[in-house]
Amino acid sequence: MTVFEELKRRGLIAQATHEDLIEELLNREPVTFYIGFDATADSLHVGHFLQLVVMKHMQNAGHRPIALLGTGTTMIGDPTGKTDMRKMLTEEEIDHNAECFRKQMSRFIDFSDGKAIIARNGDWLKHMNYIEFLRDVGVHFSVNKMLTAECFKSRLERGLSFLEFNYMLMQSYDFLHLNREFGCKLELGGDDQWSNILGGVDLVRRVNDEQVFGMTFTLLTTKEGKKMGKTEKGALWLDPEKTSPYEFFQYWRNVADDDVIRCMKLITFIPIEEIEALEHLSGHELNPVKERLAFEVTKMVHGEEEAQKALDAARSLFTNKADSADMPSTTLCEADVPAEGIGVLTLLVKAGLAPSNGEARRLVQGGGISIDDQKVSDPKQTVDAQTLKNGIIIKKGKKVYHKVTLG
């Protein structure tokens, strides 16, 4: 099976500028391709992870990835999928974030001996003369056509800044630069990047008189189309300091039945034939499949040792031995606990199990909270300092466990 057939069979390919020509190109020769990553945070998240999986599939097939770190484009901000303008970061923050990305990417992509390239678009975008840029690049873009792009249409009612309007031109120029510098012939990205990718393909054709290609892959969403990778604490990060290996494991262990096979196809390297053989399973039969999904993804991101720890901790919880050292935990200080004890609502918020007292109250009133296997029914209940010194286990719903102690 060719890499194109593999990506297609796994459901990874969403759109392509010239599907037949791309397949022929990938089958014919090693191809240099790129994916861009704007450095908006100090860690990659699970949406980026899917892109790294695609990169790895392509590299395994002999193609050369360029991981383009957006040290220039991040200063502008992509309006795609955003209801408001992105927060402006300093150059120092962006450079720090990009370095964090580079370190995390090195776990998945082999950058040795020219097998892959790390590039930073700030190296060329920051030093461009704006008038020359308008004359050389802006002349090839129709404002009328740009306004029909989904990334701009969704923002027009709330307001689209001229700053963001430049983003498509800058991303398109990246493709032009990489084509000239490295012979890059293919841009890949999430399906929400389709308009930006088309802009780059068209710019290279107009300026370099060369045919290049664009292809998008499926976004990581549930069967209902809701984007995956969001937790109550925010994004599902690849950095273990931001999302612990156990929490990361539990996210995938608890995916809905309708999503587990699809996730396995999209973000693991389990042979596709093996995954397809599981498609007939349902209900409790899917529990071992979810466990396998969680283990494989956690192993790729955090290593086999951490994946095994998370698996052992999860199994201990489901056999009522909820005392694992690998369980997510919060340590309170003396100042957090008044003499009369800490209220259960405050406790839930401090443990990150509820975003507010109001939501904590709804959880308690809905019967969704237990402490040391005792259901909590009174929102005014308190927990004293001595009990916390011994450590308590809070259970939220059926699957979330959290240890709280007083340090």
Protein backbone atom coordinates (compact mmCIF):
# COMPACT_ATOMS: atom_id res chain seq x y z
CA MET A 1 0.00 0.00 0.00
CA THR A 2 1.37 3.41 -0.97
CA VAL A 3 1.42 6.29 1.51
CA PHE A 4 -1.39 8.02 -0.39
CA GLU A 5 -3.52 4.87 -0.22
CA GLU A 6 -2.70 4.55 3.48
CA LEU A 7 -3.73 8.15 4.25
CA LYS A 8 -6.88 7.73 2.18
CA ARG A 9 -7.86 4.43 3.77
CA ARG A 10 -7.38 5.86 7.26
CA GLY A 11 -9.70 8.76 6.42
CA LEU A 12 -6.97 11.37 6.85
CA ILE A 13 -7.32 13.13 3.49
CA ALA A 14 -10.05 15.78 3.33
CA GLN A 15 -9.36 17.88 0.20
CA ALA A 16 -6.68 18.04 -2.47
CA THR A 17 -5.99 20.48 -5.29
CA HIS A 18 -5.22 17.70 -7.80
CA GLU A 19 -5.74 14.34 -6.14
CA ASP A 20 -4.63 12.18 -9.08
CA LEU A 21 -1.51 14.25 -9.74
CA ILE A 22 -0.57 14.29 -6.03
CA GLU A 23 -0.89 10.50 -5.83
CA GLU A 24 1.20 10.12 -9.00
CA LEU A 25 3.86 12.51 -7.65
CA LEU A 26 4.14 10.76 -4.29
CA ASN A 27 4.43 7.38 -6.01
CA ARG A 28 7.04 8.64 -8.49
CA GLU A 29 9.66 10.48 -6.40
CA PRO A 30 10.66 11.69 -2.94
CA VAL A 31 8.69 14.90 -2.35
CA THR A 32 9.55 17.82 -0.08
CA PHE A 33 6.39 19.05 1.66
CA TYR A 34 5.63 21.39 4.52
CA ILE A 35 3.20 21.98 7.36
CA GLY A 36 3.10 25.28 9.25
CA PHE A 37 2.77 25.62 13.02
CA ASP A 38 2.09 29.06 14.49
CA ALA A 39 3.83 29.37 17.85
CA THR A 40 0.88 30.64 19.88
CA ALA A 41 1.62 28.59 23.05
CA ASP A 42 4.59 26.95 24.75
CA SER A 43 3.40 23.45 23.89
CA LEU A 44 1.87 21.59 20.99
CA HIS A 45 -1.64 20.26 21.55
CA VAL A 46 -3.47 17.21 20.24
CA GLY A 47 -4.63 19.04 17.09
CA HIS A 48 -0.95 19.49 16.17
CA PHE A 49 -0.36 15.83 17.01
CA LEU A 50 -2.55 14.67 14.14
CA GLN A 51 -0.41 16.80 11.80
CA LEU A 52 2.75 15.18 13.18
CA VAL A 53 1.23 11.76 12.56
CA VAL A 54 0.68 12.68 8.90
CA MET A 55 4.25 13.99 8.72
CA LYS A 56 5.53 10.69 10.11
CA HIS A 57 3.51 8.64 7.61
CA MET A 58 5.01 10.72 4.81
CA GLN A 59 8.56 10.54 6.17
CA ASN A 60 8.29 6.77 6.63
CA ALA A 61 7.44 6.57 2.92
CA GLY A 62 10.62 8.43 1.96
CA HIS A 63 9.32 11.99 1.64
CA ARG A 64 10.98 15.01 3.28
CA PRO A 65 8.99 17.13 5.76
CA ILE A 66 9.57 20.80 6.47
CA ALA A 67 8.22 21.77 9.88
CA LEU A 68 7.65 25.49 9.44
CA LEU A 69 7.57 27.34 12.75
CA GLY A 70 5.53 30.52 12.38
CA THR A 71 7.84 32.98 14.11
CA GLY A 72 6.68 35.59 11.60
CA THR A 73 3.03 34.71 10.96
CA THR A 74 2.36 34.31 14.70
CA MET A 75 3.03 38.05 15.04
CA ILE A 76 -0.01 38.69 12.81
CA GLY A 77 -2.46 35.93 13.75
CA ASP A 78 -4.55 33.61 11.61
CA PRO A 79 -8.25 34.64 11.67
CA THR A 80 -9.30 31.11 10.68
CA GLY A 81 -11.83 29.72 13.14
CA LYS A 82 -11.45 32.68 15.51
CA THR A 83 -14.28 34.95 16.66
CA ASP A 84 -11.89 37.62 17.91
CA MET A 85 -8.42 38.80 17.04
CA ARG A 86 -5.65 36.62 18.41
CA LYS A 87 -3.72 37.89 21.43
CA MET A 88 -0.54 39.68 20.38
CA LEU A 89 2.66 38.01 21.61
CA THR A 90 6.13 39.52 21.89
CA GLU A 91 8.97 38.29 19.69
CA GLU A 92 10.61 36.76 22.76
CA GLU A 93 7.45 34.81 23.65
CA ILE A 94 7.07 33.58 20.07
CA ASP A 95 10.70 32.47 19.84
CA HIS A 96 10.39 30.63 23.17
CA ASN A 97 7.22 28.87 22.01
CA ALA A 98 8.83 27.90 18.71
CA GLU A 99 11.77 26.34 20.54
CA CYS A 100 9.35 24.33 22.71
CA PHE A 101 7.63 23.13 19.51
CA ARG A 102 10.97 22.12 17.99
CA LYS A 103 11.89 19.98 21.00
CA GLN A 104 8.50 18.24 21.05
CA MET A 105 8.53 17.60 17.29
CA SER A 106 11.88 15.87 17.58
CA ARG A 107 10.16 13.03 19.44
CA PHE A 108 8.17 12.16 16.32
CA ILE A 109 10.10 13.40 13.30
CA ASP A 110 13.67 12.40 12.38
CA PHE A 111 15.58 15.61 11.63
CA SER A 112 18.99 13.93 11.29
CA ASP A 113 21.03 13.96 8.07
CA GLY A 114 18.60 16.22 6.18
CA LYS A 115 15.69 13.76 6.50
CA ALA A 116 13.52 16.67 7.65
CA ILE A 117 13.94 20.42 7.96
CA ILE A 118 13.03 22.90 10.68
CA ALA A 119 12.42 26.38 9.25
CA ARG A 120 11.22 29.63 10.85
CA ASN A 121 9.27 32.01 8.65
CA GLY A 122 10.36 34.97 10.74
CA ASP A 123 13.77 34.54 9.11
CA TRP A 124 12.35 35.95 5.86
CA LEU A 125 9.08 37.65 6.76
CA LYS A 126 10.48 39.99 9.42
CA HIS A 127 12.96 41.57 7.04
CA MET A 128 10.72 42.14 4.05
CA ASN A 129 10.19 45.61 2.63
CA TYR A 130 6.43 46.21 2.79
CA ILE A 131 6.18 48.17 -0.46
CA GLU A 132 8.13 45.48 -2.31
CA PHE A 133 5.92 42.83 -0.70
CA LEU A 134 2.78 44.59 -1.93
CA ARG A 135 4.18 44.97 -5.43
CA ASP A 136 5.58 41.43 -5.71
CA VAL A 137 2.97 39.47 -3.78
CA GLY A 138 -0.11 41.61 -3.11
CA VAL A 139 -0.61 42.28 -6.81
CA HIS A 140 -1.55 38.61 -7.32
CA PHE A 141 -4.42 38.60 -4.80
CA SER A 142 -8.01 39.66 -5.48
CA VAL A 143 -9.70 41.25 -2.47
CA ASN A 144 -13.09 40.16 -3.79
CA LYS A 145 -11.92 36.56 -3.97
CA MET A 146 -10.28 36.69 -0.54
CA LEU A 147 -13.51 37.90 1.04
CA THR A 148 -15.29 34.75 -0.17
CA ALA A 149 -12.84 32.56 1.79
CA GLU A 150 -14.42 30.95 4.84
CA CYS A 151 -11.65 32.18 7.14
CA PHE A 152 -12.64 35.80 6.35
CA LYS A 153 -16.40 35.39 5.85
CA SER A 154 -16.89 34.15 9.41
CA ARG A 155 -15.18 37.25 10.79
CA LEU A 156 -16.69 40.04 8.69
CA GLU A 157 -19.74 40.57 10.91
CA ARG A 158 -17.68 40.92 14.11
CA GLY A 159 -14.87 42.82 12.46
CA LEU A 160 -11.75 41.78 10.59
CA SER A 161 -8.62 43.84 11.12
CA PHE A 162 -6.36 44.81 8.24
CA LEU A 163 -3.55 43.15 10.23
CA GLU A 164 -5.25 39.75 9.95
CA PHE A 165 -6.15 40.39 6.32
CA ASN A 166 -2.43 40.15 5.54
CA TYR A 167 -2.17 36.65 6.99
CA MET A 168 -3.18 34.80 3.83
CA LEU A 169 -0.59 36.72 1.80
CA MET A 170 2.15 35.90 4.30
CA GLN A 171 1.30 32.20 4.46
CA SER A 172 1.13 32.08 0.68
CA TYR A 173 4.55 33.70 0.48
CA ASP A 174 5.91 30.98 2.77
CA PHE A 175 5.08 28.39 0.10
CA LEU A 176 6.76 30.53 -2.56
CA HIS A 177 9.90 30.89 -0.43
CA LEU A 178 10.08 27.18 0.46
CA ASN A 179 9.56 26.24 -3.16
CA ARG A 180 12.51 28.42 -4.19
CA GLU A 181 14.75 27.45 -1.26
CA PHE A 182 14.07 23.72 -0.87
CA GLY A 183 12.09 22.65 -3.95
CA CYS A 184 8.97 22.22 -1.82
CA LYS A 185 6.09 20.99 -3.98
CA LEU A 186 3.30 20.25 -1.51
CA GLU A 187 1.67 22.07 1.40
CA LEU A 188 -0.32 20.07 3.93
CA GLY A 189 -2.56 21.34 6.73
CA GLY A 190 -5.80 20.93 8.60
CA ASP A 191 -8.96 21.27 6.56
CA ASP A 192 -9.62 24.70 8.08
CA GLN A 193 -6.48 25.89 6.23
CA TRP A 194 -7.87 25.15 2.75
CA SER A 195 -8.26 28.80 1.70
CA ASN A 196 -4.75 29.71 2.86
CA ILE A 197 -3.27 26.70 1.08
CA LEU A 198 -5.04 27.56 -2.17
CA GLY A 199 -3.55 31.05 -1.94
CA GLY A 200 -0.04 29.61 -1.75
CA VAL A 201 -0.55 27.15 -4.60
CA ASP A 202 -1.85 29.95 -6.82
CA LEU A 203 0.97 32.35 -5.86
CA VAL A 204 3.70 29.81 -6.72
CA ARG A 205 2.02 29.17 -10.08
CA ARG A 206 1.82 32.87 -10.89
CA VAL A 207 5.30 33.91 -9.72
CA ASN A 208 7.45 30.82 -10.31
CA ASP A 209 5.38 29.42 -13.18
CA GLU A 210 5.47 26.05 -11.45
CA GLN A 211 2.71 23.64 -10.55
CA VAL A 212 2.63 22.82 -6.87
CA PHE A 213 -0.04 21.15 -4.80
CA GLY A 214 -2.05 21.45 -1.61
CA MET A 215 -3.80 18.83 0.47
CA THR A 216 -5.71 19.03 3.73
CA PHE A 217 -6.39 16.35 6.26
CA THR A 218 -9.37 15.63 8.42
CA LEU A 219 -9.76 17.63 11.61
CA LEU A 220 -9.87 15.59 14.80
CA THR A 221 -13.56 15.80 15.61
CA THR A 222 -16.24 13.64 17.16
CA LYS A 223 -18.87 11.93 15.05
CA GLU A 224 -21.10 14.99 15.65
CA GLY A 225 -18.39 17.30 14.28
CA LYS A 226 -17.26 18.76 17.63
CA LYS A 227 -13.51 19.40 17.81
CA MET A 228 -11.71 16.93 20.07
CA GLY A 229 -8.86 17.69 22.45
CA LYS A 230 -10.68 20.05 24.81
CA THR A 231 -10.84 19.32 28.54
CA GLU A 232 -12.28 21.26 31.47
CA LYS A 233 -8.79 22.63 32.07
CA GLY A 234 -8.42 23.69 28.43
CA ALA A 235 -6.52 22.11 25.57
CA LEU A 236 -5.10 18.59 25.68
CA TRP A 237 -1.39 19.48 25.66
CA LEU A 238 1.57 17.28 24.73
CA ASP A 239 3.68 18.85 27.51
CA PRO A 240 3.43 16.59 30.61
CA GLU A 241 3.63 19.67 32.86
CA LYS A 242 0.45 21.06 31.28
CA THR A 243 -1.45 17.79 30.82
CA SER A 244 -0.17 14.86 32.87
CA PRO A 245 0.41 11.51 31.09
CA TYR A 246 -2.39 10.04 33.21
CA GLU A 247 -4.88 12.76 32.21
CA PHE A 248 -3.76 12.39 28.60
CA PHE A 249 -4.31 8.62 28.77
CA GLN A 250 -7.71 9.01 30.42
CA TYR A 251 -8.92 11.40 27.72
CA TRP A 252 -8.45 8.73 25.04
CA ARG A 253 -9.65 5.89 27.31
CA ASN A 254 -12.94 7.76 27.72
CA VAL A 255 -13.72 8.67 24.10
CA ALA A 256 -17.24 7.86 22.93
CA ASP A 257 -17.94 4.47 21.38
CA ASP A 258 -18.71 6.12 18.04
CA ASP A 259 -15.28 7.81 17.93
CA VAL A 260 -12.80 5.17 19.08
CA ILE A 261 -12.22 3.36 15.75
CA ARG A 262 -11.95 6.63 13.86
CA CYS A 263 -9.41 7.99 16.36
CA MET A 264 -7.42 4.79 16.10
CA LYS A 265 -7.24 5.20 12.31
CA LEU A 266 -6.31 8.88 12.47
CA ILE A 267 -3.70 9.12 15.24
CA THR A 268 -2.08 5.70 15.67
CA PHE A 269 0.20 3.57 13.53
CA ILE A 270 -1.67 0.35 14.31
CA PRO A 271 -1.96 -1.48 10.95
CA ILE A 272 -5.16 -0.39 9.21
CA GLU A 273 -6.19 -4.01 8.56
CA GLU A 274 -6.06 -4.68 12.29
CA ILE A 275 -8.21 -1.62 13.03
CA GLU A 276 -10.79 -2.48 10.35
CA ALA A 277 -11.17 -5.93 11.91
CA LEU A 278 -12.47 -4.20 15.07
CA GLU A 279 -15.17 -2.12 13.36
CA HIS A 280 -17.96 -4.61 14.14
CA LEU A 281 -17.46 -4.32 17.91
CA SER A 282 -19.84 -2.34 20.14
CA GLY A 283 -20.69 -1.64 23.77
CA HIS A 284 -18.45 -3.33 26.36
CA GLU A 285 -16.52 -5.05 23.58
CA LEU A 286 -14.95 -1.64 22.81
CA ASN A 287 -13.39 -1.20 26.26
CA PRO A 288 -10.16 -3.08 25.38
CA VAL A 289 -10.04 -1.12 22.10
CA LYS A 290 -10.25 2.20 23.97
CA GLU A 291 -7.52 1.01 26.32
CA ARG A 292 -5.34 0.13 23.32
CA LEU A 293 -5.99 3.54 21.73
CA ALA A 294 -5.09 5.36 24.95
CA PHE A 295 -1.93 3.28 25.46
CA GLU A 296 -0.66 3.71 21.89
CA VAL A 297 -1.19 7.48 21.77
CA THR A 298 0.25 8.03 25.26
CA LYS A 299 3.28 5.88 24.36
CA MET A 300 3.97 8.01 21.28
CA VAL A 301 3.70 11.27 23.19
CA HIS A 302 5.15 10.39 26.61
CA GLY A 303 7.03 7.13 26.12
CA GLU A 304 6.21 3.51 26.96
CA GLU A 305 7.05 3.77 30.66
CA GLU A 306 4.60 6.63 31.26
CA ALA A 307 1.96 4.89 29.13
CA GLN A 308 2.30 1.74 31.23
CA LYS A 309 2.04 3.75 34.46
CA ALA A 310 -1.12 5.41 33.21
CA LEU A 311 -2.59 2.07 32.14
CA ASP A 312 -1.84 0.50 35.53
CA ALA A 313 -3.32 3.51 37.35
CA ALA A 314 -6.49 3.42 35.24
CA ARG A 315 -6.95 -0.31 35.82
CA SER A 316 -6.47 0.09 39.57
CA LEU A 317 -9.25 2.69 39.66
CA PHE A 318 -11.69 0.44 37.87
CA THR A 319 -10.99 -2.37 40.34
CA ASN A 320 -11.76 -0.04 43.29
CA LYS A 321 -8.12 0.33 44.28
CA ALA A 322 -8.16 4.07 43.83
CA ASP A 323 -4.88 4.80 45.55
CA SER A 324 -2.42 4.93 42.68
CA ALA A 325 0.46 7.38 42.92
CA ASP A 326 -0.06 8.20 39.24
CA MET A 327 -3.55 9.60 39.81
CA PRO A 328 -3.97 13.35 39.12
CA SER A 329 -3.57 15.16 42.42
CA THR A 330 -3.72 18.55 44.09
CA THR A 331 -1.82 19.53 47.22
CA LEU A 332 -3.39 22.30 49.28
CA CYS A 333 -1.47 24.52 51.68
CA GLU A 334 -2.49 25.37 55.25
CA ALA A 335 -3.81 28.78 54.18
CA ASP A 336 -6.32 27.10 51.82
CA VAL A 337 -8.14 25.36 54.68
CA PRO A 338 -9.97 27.50 57.29
CA ALA A 339 -10.30 26.27 60.87
CA GLU A 340 -13.88 25.12 60.16
CA GLY A 341 -12.75 23.16 57.10
CA ILE A 342 -12.80 23.87 53.38
CA GLY A 343 -16.15 23.92 51.59
CA VAL A 344 -16.66 21.15 49.05
CA LEU A 345 -17.47 23.67 46.29
CA THR A 346 -14.20 25.53 46.88
CA LEU A 347 -12.41 22.18 47.01
CA LEU A 348 -13.75 21.17 43.59
CA VAL A 349 -12.64 24.46 42.05
CA LYS A 350 -9.14 24.29 43.59
CA ALA A 351 -8.75 20.71 42.33
CA GLY A 352 -9.67 21.82 38.82
CA LEU A 353 -12.76 19.60 38.76
CA ALA A 354 -15.11 22.55 38.23
CA PRO A 355 -14.45 25.97 36.69
CA SER A 356 -16.60 27.84 39.21
CA ASN A 357 -18.57 27.48 42.44
CA GLY A 358 -21.78 27.53 40.41
CA GLU A 359 -20.71 24.59 38.28
CA ALA A 360 -19.43 22.80 41.41
CA ARG A 361 -22.85 23.27 43.02
CA ARG A 362 -24.57 21.78 39.96
CA LEU A 363 -22.28 18.77 40.09
CA VAL A 364 -23.05 18.14 43.76
CA GLN A 365 -26.79 18.67 43.36
CA GLY A 366 -26.78 16.36 40.35
CA GLY A 367 -25.21 13.55 42.36
CA GLY A 368 -21.97 13.65 40.40
CA ILE A 369 -19.47 13.96 43.28
CA SER A 370 -18.20 11.40 45.80
CA ILE A 371 -15.45 11.74 48.40
CA ASP A 372 -13.81 8.48 49.50
CA ASP A 373 -16.72 6.56 47.94
CA GLN A 374 -19.31 8.58 49.88
CA LYS A 375 -21.77 10.53 47.75
CA VAL A 376 -21.78 14.28 48.45
CA SER A 377 -25.32 15.69 48.50
CA ASP A 378 -24.95 18.90 50.53
CA PRO A 379 -23.24 21.82 48.71
CA LYS A 380 -22.38 23.25 52.16
CA GLN A 381 -20.43 20.19 53.23
CA THR A 382 -16.87 20.85 54.44
CA VAL A 383 -13.72 18.75 54.71
CA ASP A 384 -11.47 19.32 57.74
CA ALA A 385 -7.70 19.68 57.73
CA GLN A 386 -6.96 16.34 59.41
CA THR A 387 -8.95 14.44 56.78
CA LEU A 388 -7.07 16.24 54.04
CA LYS A 389 -3.71 15.45 55.66
CA ASN A 390 -4.58 11.76 55.32
CA GLY A 391 -5.55 12.38 51.69
CA ILE A 392 -8.96 12.06 50.03
CA ILE A 393 -10.09 10.71 46.68
CA ILE A 394 -12.72 12.77 44.85
CA LYS A 395 -14.70 10.96 42.19
CA LYS A 396 -16.49 13.04 39.57
CA GLY A 397 -19.03 11.16 37.49
CA LYS A 398 -18.06 7.59 36.66
CA LYS A 399 -14.57 8.02 35.30
CA VAL A 400 -12.73 11.00 36.82
CA TYR A 401 -10.69 10.45 39.99
CA HIS A 402 -8.57 13.07 41.75
CA LYS A 403 -6.48 12.88 44.90
CA VAL A 404 -6.36 15.90 47.25
CA THR A 405 -3.97 16.22 50.17
CA LEU A 406 -2.89 18.94 52.58
CA GLY A 407 0.86 19.64 52.43
